[in-house]
PDB file of N, CA and C in Angstrom:
ATOM      1  N   UNK A   1     151.706  70.605 103.921  1.00  0.00           N
ATOM      2  CA  UNK A   1     151.519  71.508 105.069  1.00  0.00           C
ATOM      3  C   UNK A   1     152.880  71.899 105.670  1.00  0.00           C
ATOM      4  N   UNK A   2     153.769  70.909 105.704  1.00  0.00           N
ATOM      5  CA  UNK A   2     155.103  71.164 106.253  1.00  0.00           C
ATOM      6  C   UNK A   2     155.837  72.161 105.374  1.00  0.00           C
ATOM      7  N   UNK A   3     155.598  72.058 104.070  1.00  0.00           N
ATOM      8  CA  UNK A   3     156.267  72.954 103.125  1.00  0.00           C
ATOM      9  C   UNK A   3     155.789  74.393 103.356  1.00  0.00           C
ATOM     10  N   UNK A   4     154.506  74.563 103.595  1.00  0.00           N
ATOM     11  CA  UNK A   4     153.933  75.901 103.800  1.00  0.00           C
ATOM     12  C   UNK A   4     154.528  76.533 105.062  1.00  0.00           C
ATOM     13  N   UNK A   5     154.667  75.745 106.093  1.00  0.00           N
ATOM     14  CA  UNK A   5     155.209  76.251 107.354  1.00  0.00           C
ATOM     15  C   UNK A   5     156.654  76.704 107.176  1.00  0.00           C
ATOM     16  N   UNK A   6     157.396  75.918 106.404  1.00  0.00           N
ATOM     17  CA  UNK A   6     158.806  76.241 106.163  1.00  0.00           C
ATOM     18  C   UNK A   6     158.932  77.572 105.432  1.00  0.00           C
ATOM     19  N   UNK A   7     158.014  77.790 104.496  1.00  0.00           N
ATOM     20  CA  UNK A   7     158.045  79.030 103.703  1.00  0.00           C
ATOM     21  C   UNK A   7     157.806  80.237 104.619  1.00  0.00           C
ATOM     22  N   UNK A   8     156.910  80.060 105.560  1.00  0.00           N
ATOM     23  CA  UNK A   8     156.585  81.159 106.481  1.00  0.00           C
ATOM     24  C   UNK A   8     157.820  81.528 107.311  1.00  0.00           C
ATOM     25  N   UNK A   9     158.532  80.505 107.770  1.00  0.00           N
ATOM     26  CA  UNK A   9     159.740  80.758 108.577  1.00  0.00           C
ATOM     27  C   UNK A   9     160.810  81.446 107.744  1.00  0.00           C
ATOM     28  N   UNK A  10     160.888  81.023 106.479  1.00  0.00           N
ATOM     29  CA  UNK A  10     161.904  81.602 105.587  1.00  0.00           C
ATOM     30  C   UNK A  10     161.569  83.077 105.343  1.00  0.00           C
ATOM     31  N   UNK A  11     160.304  83.385 105.314  1.00  0.00           N
ATOM     32  CA  UNK A  11     159.878  84.763 105.066  1.00  0.00           C
ATOM     33  C   UNK A  11     160.138  85.647 106.294  1.00  0.00           C
ATOM     34  N   UNK A  12     160.140  85.025 107.448  1.00  0.00           N
ATOM     35  CA  UNK A  12     160.348  85.781 108.684  1.00  0.00           C
ATOM     36  C   UNK A  12     161.834  85.969 108.977  1.00  0.00           C
ATOM     37  N   UNK A  13     162.663  85.096 108.443  1.00  0.00           N
ATOM     38  CA  UNK A  13     164.111  85.171 108.702  1.00  0.00           C
ATOM     39  C   UNK A  13     164.715  86.459 108.139  1.00  0.00           C
ATOM     40  N   UNK A  14     164.437  86.800 106.870  1.00  0.00           N
ATOM     41  CA  UNK A  14     165.033  88.016 106.295  1.00  0.00           C
ATOM     42  C   UNK A  14     164.480  89.287 106.939  1.00  0.00           C
ATOM     43  N   UNK A  15     163.330  89.185 107.569  1.00  0.00           N
ATOM     44  CA  UNK A  15     162.727  90.366 108.192  1.00  0.00           C
ATOM     45  C   UNK A  15     163.433  90.719 109.505  1.00  0.00           C
ATOM     46  N   UNK A  16     163.989  89.710 110.150  1.00  0.00           N
ATOM     47  CA  UNK A  16     164.652  89.936 111.440  1.00  0.00           C
ATOM     48  C   UNK A  16     165.886  90.827 111.327  1.00  0.00           C
ATOM     49  N   UNK A  17     166.831  90.480 110.446  1.00  0.00           N
ATOM     50  CA  UNK A  17     168.043  91.305 110.322  1.00  0.00           C
ATOM     51  C   UNK A  17     167.714  92.729 109.885  1.00  0.00           C
ATOM     52  N   UNK A  18     166.706  92.856 109.038  1.00  0.00           N
ATOM     53  CA  UNK A  18     166.317  94.192 108.558  1.00  0.00           C
ATOM     54  C   UNK A  18     165.749  95.007 109.720  1.00  0.00           C
ATOM     55  N   UNK A  19     164.946  94.367 110.527  1.00  0.00           N
ATOM     56  CA  UNK A  19     164.326  95.052 111.666  1.00  0.00           C
ATOM     57  C   UNK A  19     165.389  95.397 112.708  1.00  0.00           C
ATOM     58  N   UNK A  20     166.313  94.464 112.925  1.00  0.00           N
ATOM     59  CA  UNK A  20     167.367  94.700 113.923  1.00  0.00           C
ATOM     60  C   UNK A  20     168.248  95.864 113.503  1.00  0.00           C
ATOM     61  N   UNK A  21     168.503  95.942 112.200  1.00  0.00           N
ATOM     62  CA  UNK A  21     169.351  97.032 111.696  1.00  0.00           C
ATOM     63  C   UNK A  21     168.658  98.371 111.969  1.00  0.00           C
ATOM     64  N   UNK A  22     167.366  98.407 111.722  1.00  0.00           N
ATOM     65  CA  UNK A  22     166.596  99.631 111.957  1.00  0.00           C
ATOM     66  C   UNK A  22     166.568  99.963 113.447  1.00  0.00           C
ATOM     67  N   UNK A  23     166.351  98.942 114.249  1.00  0.00           N
ATOM     68  CA  UNK A  23     166.290  99.141 115.701  1.00  0.00           C
ATOM     69  C   UNK A  23     167.633  99.642 116.221  1.00  0.00           C
ATOM     70  N   UNK A  24     168.713  99.082 115.663  1.00  0.00           N
ATOM     71  CA  UNK A  24     170.056  99.494 116.084  1.00  0.00           C
ATOM     72  C   UNK A  24     170.277 100.967 115.778  1.00  0.00           C
ATOM     73  N   UNK A  25     169.839 101.373 114.592  1.00  0.00           N
ATOM     74  CA  UNK A  25     170.015 102.780 114.197  1.00  0.00           C
ATOM     75  C   UNK A  25     169.177 103.687 115.095  1.00  0.00           C
ATOM     76  N   UNK A  26     167.948 103.261 115.354  1.00  0.00           N
ATOM     77  CA  UNK A  26     167.045 104.053 116.204  1.00  0.00           C
ATOM     78  C   UNK A  26     167.615 104.133 117.623  1.00  0.00           C
ATOM     79  N   UNK A  27     168.126 102.998 118.107  1.00  0.00           N
ATOM     80  CA  UNK A  27     168.698 102.974 119.463  1.00  0.00           C
ATOM     81  C   UNK A  27     169.906 103.902 119.542  1.00  0.00           C
ATOM     82  N   UNK A  28     170.697 103.889 118.477  1.00  0.00           N
ATOM     83  CA  UNK A  28     171.884 104.748 118.442  1.00  0.00           C
ATOM     84  C   UNK A  28     171.471 106.212 118.495  1.00  0.00           C
ATOM     85  N   UNK A  29     170.433 106.549 117.728  1.00  0.00           N
ATOM     86  CA  UNK A  29     169.961 107.944 117.698  1.00  0.00           C
ATOM     87  C   UNK A  29     169.388 108.337 119.051  1.00  0.00           C
ATOM     88  N   UNK A  30     168.628 107.434 119.652  1.00  0.00           N
ATOM     89  CA  UNK A  30     168.025 107.711 120.961  1.00  0.00           C
ATOM     90  C   UNK A  30     169.123 107.877 122.008  1.00  0.00           C
ATOM     91  N   UNK A  31     170.114 106.981 121.955  1.00  0.00           N
ATOM     92  CA  UNK A  31     171.232 107.054 122.911  1.00  0.00           C
ATOM     93  C   UNK A  31     171.957 108.386 122.778  1.00  0.00           C
ATOM     94  N   UNK A  32     172.189 108.811 121.546  1.00  0.00           N
ATOM     95  CA  UNK A  32     172.889 110.077 121.302  1.00  0.00           C
ATOM     96  C   UNK A  32     172.027 111.238 121.800  1.00  0.00           C
ATOM     97  N   UNK A  33     170.723 111.140 121.565  1.00  0.00           N
ATOM     98  CA  UNK A  33     169.808 112.212 121.976  1.00  0.00           C
ATOM     99  C   UNK A  33     169.714 112.250 123.503  1.00  0.00           C
ATOM    100  N   UNK A  34     169.653 111.090 124.105  1.00  0.00           N
ATOM    101  CA  UNK A  34     169.535 111.007 125.566  1.00  0.00           C
ATOM    102  C   UNK A  34     170.790 111.557 126.231  1.00  0.00           C
ATOM    103  N   UNK A  35     171.956 111.212 125.676  1.00  0.00           N
ATOM    104  CA  UNK A  35     173.216 111.681 126.264  1.00  0.00           C
ATOM    105  C   UNK A  35     173.411 113.170 126.004  1.00  0.00           C
ATOM    106  N   UNK A  36     172.760 113.683 124.962  1.00  0.00           N
ATOM    107  CA  UNK A  36     172.952 115.092 124.586  1.00  0.00           C
ATOM    108  C   UNK A  36     171.949 115.980 125.322  1.00  0.00           C
ATOM    109  N   UNK A  37     170.744 115.472 125.577  1.00  0.00           N
ATOM    110  CA  UNK A  37     169.712 116.318 126.185  1.00  0.00           C
ATOM    111  C   UNK A  37     169.422 115.977 127.644  1.00  0.00           C
ATOM    112  N   UNK A  38     168.675 114.899 127.895  1.00  0.00           N
ATOM    113  CA  UNK A  38     168.239 114.605 129.272  1.00  0.00           C
ATOM    114  C   UNK A  38     169.411 114.463 130.246  1.00  0.00           C
ATOM    115  N   UNK A  39     170.460 113.801 129.822  1.00  0.00           N
ATOM    116  CA  UNK A  39     171.597 113.585 130.731  1.00  0.00           C
ATOM    117  C   UNK A  39     172.215 114.915 131.147  1.00  0.00           C
ATOM    118  N   UNK A  40     172.181 115.899 130.262  1.00  0.00           N
ATOM    119  CA  UNK A  40     172.793 117.197 130.574  1.00  0.00           C
ATOM    120  C   UNK A  40     171.766 118.159 131.173  1.00  0.00           C
ATOM    121  N   UNK A  41     170.510 117.976 130.827  1.00  0.00           N
ATOM    122  CA  UNK A  41     169.466 118.893 131.298  1.00  0.00           C
ATOM    123  C   UNK A  41     168.942 118.480 132.671  1.00  0.00           C
ATOM    124  N   UNK A  42     168.747 117.177 132.871  1.00  0.00           N
ATOM    125  CA  UNK A  42     168.183 116.706 134.134  1.00  0.00           C
ATOM    126  C   UNK A  42     169.122 116.889 135.322  1.00  0.00           C
ATOM    127  N   UNK A  43     170.312 116.299 135.281  1.00  0.00           N
ATOM    128  CA  UNK A  43     171.209 116.412 136.439  1.00  0.00           C
ATOM    129  C   UNK A  43     171.741 117.819 136.663  1.00  0.00           C
ATOM    130  N   UNK A  44     171.844 118.616 135.611  1.00  0.00           N
ATOM    131  CA  UNK A  44     172.388 119.972 135.761  1.00  0.00           C
ATOM    132  C   UNK A  44     171.495 120.829 136.662  1.00  0.00           C
ATOM    133  N   UNK A  45     170.238 121.076 136.300  1.00  0.00           N
ATOM    134  CA  UNK A  45     169.371 121.926 137.119  1.00  0.00           C
ATOM    135  C   UNK A  45     168.980 121.248 138.425  1.00  0.00           C
ATOM    136  N   UNK A  46     168.884 119.925 138.417  1.00  0.00           N
ATOM    137  CA  UNK A  46     168.477 119.202 139.622  1.00  0.00           C
ATOM    138  C   UNK A  46     169.567 119.272 140.687  1.00  0.00           C
ATOM    139  N   UNK A  47     170.833 119.199 140.241  1.00  0.00           N
ATOM    140  CA  UNK A  47     171.939 119.193 141.202  1.00  0.00           C
ATOM    141  C   UNK A  47     172.433 120.610 141.489  1.00  0.00           C
ATOM    142  N   UNK A  48     172.404 121.459 140.477  1.00  0.00           N
ATOM    143  CA  UNK A  48     172.909 122.825 140.651  1.00  0.00           C
ATOM    144  C   UNK A  48     171.867 123.701 141.347  1.00  0.00           C
ATOM    145  N   UNK A  49     170.630 123.635 140.849  1.00  0.00           N
ATOM    146  CA  UNK A  49     169.567 124.473 141.419  1.00  0.00           C
ATOM    147  C   UNK A  49     168.351 123.621 141.787  1.00  0.00           C
ATOM    148  N   UNK A  50     168.445 122.871 142.876  1.00  0.00           N
ATOM    149  CA  UNK A  50     167.313 122.040 143.294  1.00  0.00           C
ATOM    150  C   UNK A  50     166.156 122.885 143.806  1.00  0.00           C
ATOM    151  N   UNK A  51     166.460 124.061 144.344  1.00  0.00           N
ATOM    152  CA  UNK A  51     165.405 124.934 144.876  1.00  0.00           C
ATOM    153  C   UNK A  51     164.753 125.737 143.761  1.00  0.00           C
ATOM    154  N   UNK A  52     165.488 125.915 142.673  1.00  0.00           N
ATOM    155  CA  UNK A  52     164.947 126.675 141.548  1.00  0.00           C
ATOM    156  C   UNK A  52     163.816 125.917 140.877  1.00  0.00           C
ATOM    157  N   UNK A  53     163.819 124.583 141.017  1.00  0.00           N
ATOM    158  CA  UNK A  53     162.787 123.759 140.386  1.00  0.00           C
ATOM    159  C   UNK A  53     161.433 123.997 141.055  1.00  0.00           C
ATOM    160  N   UNK A  54     161.447 124.285 142.343  1.00  0.00           N
ATOM    161  CA  UNK A  54     160.186 124.505 143.057  1.00  0.00           C
ATOM    162  C   UNK A  54     159.523 125.819 142.652  1.00  0.00           C
ATOM    163  N   UNK A  55     160.229 126.952 142.712  1.00  0.00           N
ATOM    164  CA  UNK A  55     159.623 128.228 142.330  1.00  0.00           C
ATOM    165  C   UNK A  55     159.306 128.296 140.838  1.00  0.00           C
ATOM    166  N   UNK A  56     159.935 127.411 140.064  1.00  0.00           N
ATOM    167  CA  UNK A  56     159.684 127.415 138.622  1.00  0.00           C
ATOM    168  C   UNK A  56     158.257 126.985 138.323  1.00  0.00           C
ATOM    169  N   UNK A  57     157.652 126.217 139.271  1.00  0.00           N
ATOM    170  CA  UNK A  57     156.280 125.744 139.061  1.00  0.00           C
ATOM    171  C   UNK A  57     155.302 126.568 139.899  1.00  0.00           C
ATOM    172  N   UNK A  58     154.674 127.577 139.312  1.00  0.00           N
ATOM    173  CA  UNK A  58     153.703 128.404 140.051  1.00  0.00           C
ATOM    174  C   UNK A  58     152.437 127.624 140.376  1.00  0.00           C
ATOM    175  N   UNK A  59     151.958 127.757 141.608  1.00  0.00           N
ATOM    176  CA  UNK A  59     150.766 126.995 142.008  1.00  0.00           C
ATOM    177  C   UNK A  59     149.498 127.789 141.703  1.00  0.00           C
TER     178      UNK A  59
END
């Protein structure tokens, strides 16, 4: 039984670095996308034209 448990842990060990590598790449892409889009789109119109946001939404 102890041997079976050890095998399970060994199988999970190689999956961690692979998953982390993928997560790192995804995080990098998200960070680049966030800095390229929302960071430039959100503060720009919100700070430059705060009143323009209101008329932009017709009731």
